[in-house]
């Protein structure tokens, strides 16, 4: 049975909501990537998510919540039985309040103290829960009508390239789920930034994403800490060394094709495919390789929007897959560098 694709009509949105309320899974659009949604507080629905994605249960999920009035967003998380507000210190509460007021809805996930009602499957048994409020209008519609939080990891098989269109979801999970809501291409194109709010009010950056560390520091009024993550207790999804990967091996070049030494350039063969991170790809074409331009206009926003679609395009080629490194550290480039590093890591 192939998944049915639903569109933005009242009847089809209501159908998606009814399926979710009944414990089924529905792939939904967000501004970051498409998510495979199920009831966040229902262990049976969560188990279906892990099974459909072939996802290991040590990898936590992000709970998605509906928009709520500014100033009541933290209280709404407690009312949704996700966050234990009593365990937030005054400094942590102040930081979290600043972040949600300024950056929600949007591509920012907060890791906060978990409420008792949150199943262990959602948090991988940790004492914290990851929560965000998506900005995509169709995701908001579904969450508002449902009236319950949704767990929604990327709607692809575990470790594979994240989907940014309904067609990507259909190709990945079309035979494993019943419903896909088509909300068009994702506007951001990389997953949310994940930060853990510390008792002293600082933020620990767990995963770079659609909101930059500079913005988080400015809003929170605290420096952002970069933390080392233990592979034995992952506080956020997307932290495994190998992730976001094409089916074929992807090799990360030590420099752009133009700047490679003669010996390194000689390793590239006609027919190989190169993700060109900056520039127009003339040096790649001169070697007989196929360039895939990540950002034709040179912007980080375009690069983020196109990243996963470009990796999917490359995955259909017969030659060896290469990617130029990301050398910029401003804007969304760190998030793009993170995804490429994990996509090219050795498979475990």
Foldseek 3Di string as FASTA:
>chain_A
DFADEFEPDPVRLVVVLVCQLVLAWEFEAFLAFIWTKHFQLDPSSLVLVCVLQVHDLLAAFEKEAADDDQPCVVVVCVVLQFADPVPAAPLLVLLVSLCCNVAPPHQEKEKHAGGPSGDCSNQSNDRIHIYHYTDQPSVNVSNVVNVHIITIDFLAHWQAAGHQFQVVNSVGRRVSHHYYYGPDGRQQQHHGWYWYQDNNNETETQAAGQDDQVVSCVRSVHHYHHDDDDPSRRRHHPRDLAGNAFPAAEAEDPAALVPDDPVVVVVDAQQEEEAHADDDCPSVVVRNYHYDYQAPVNDPRSNSSCVSVSNVVNSVGDHHHYYYAQDDDDRRSVNSNSSVSNRNDDDD
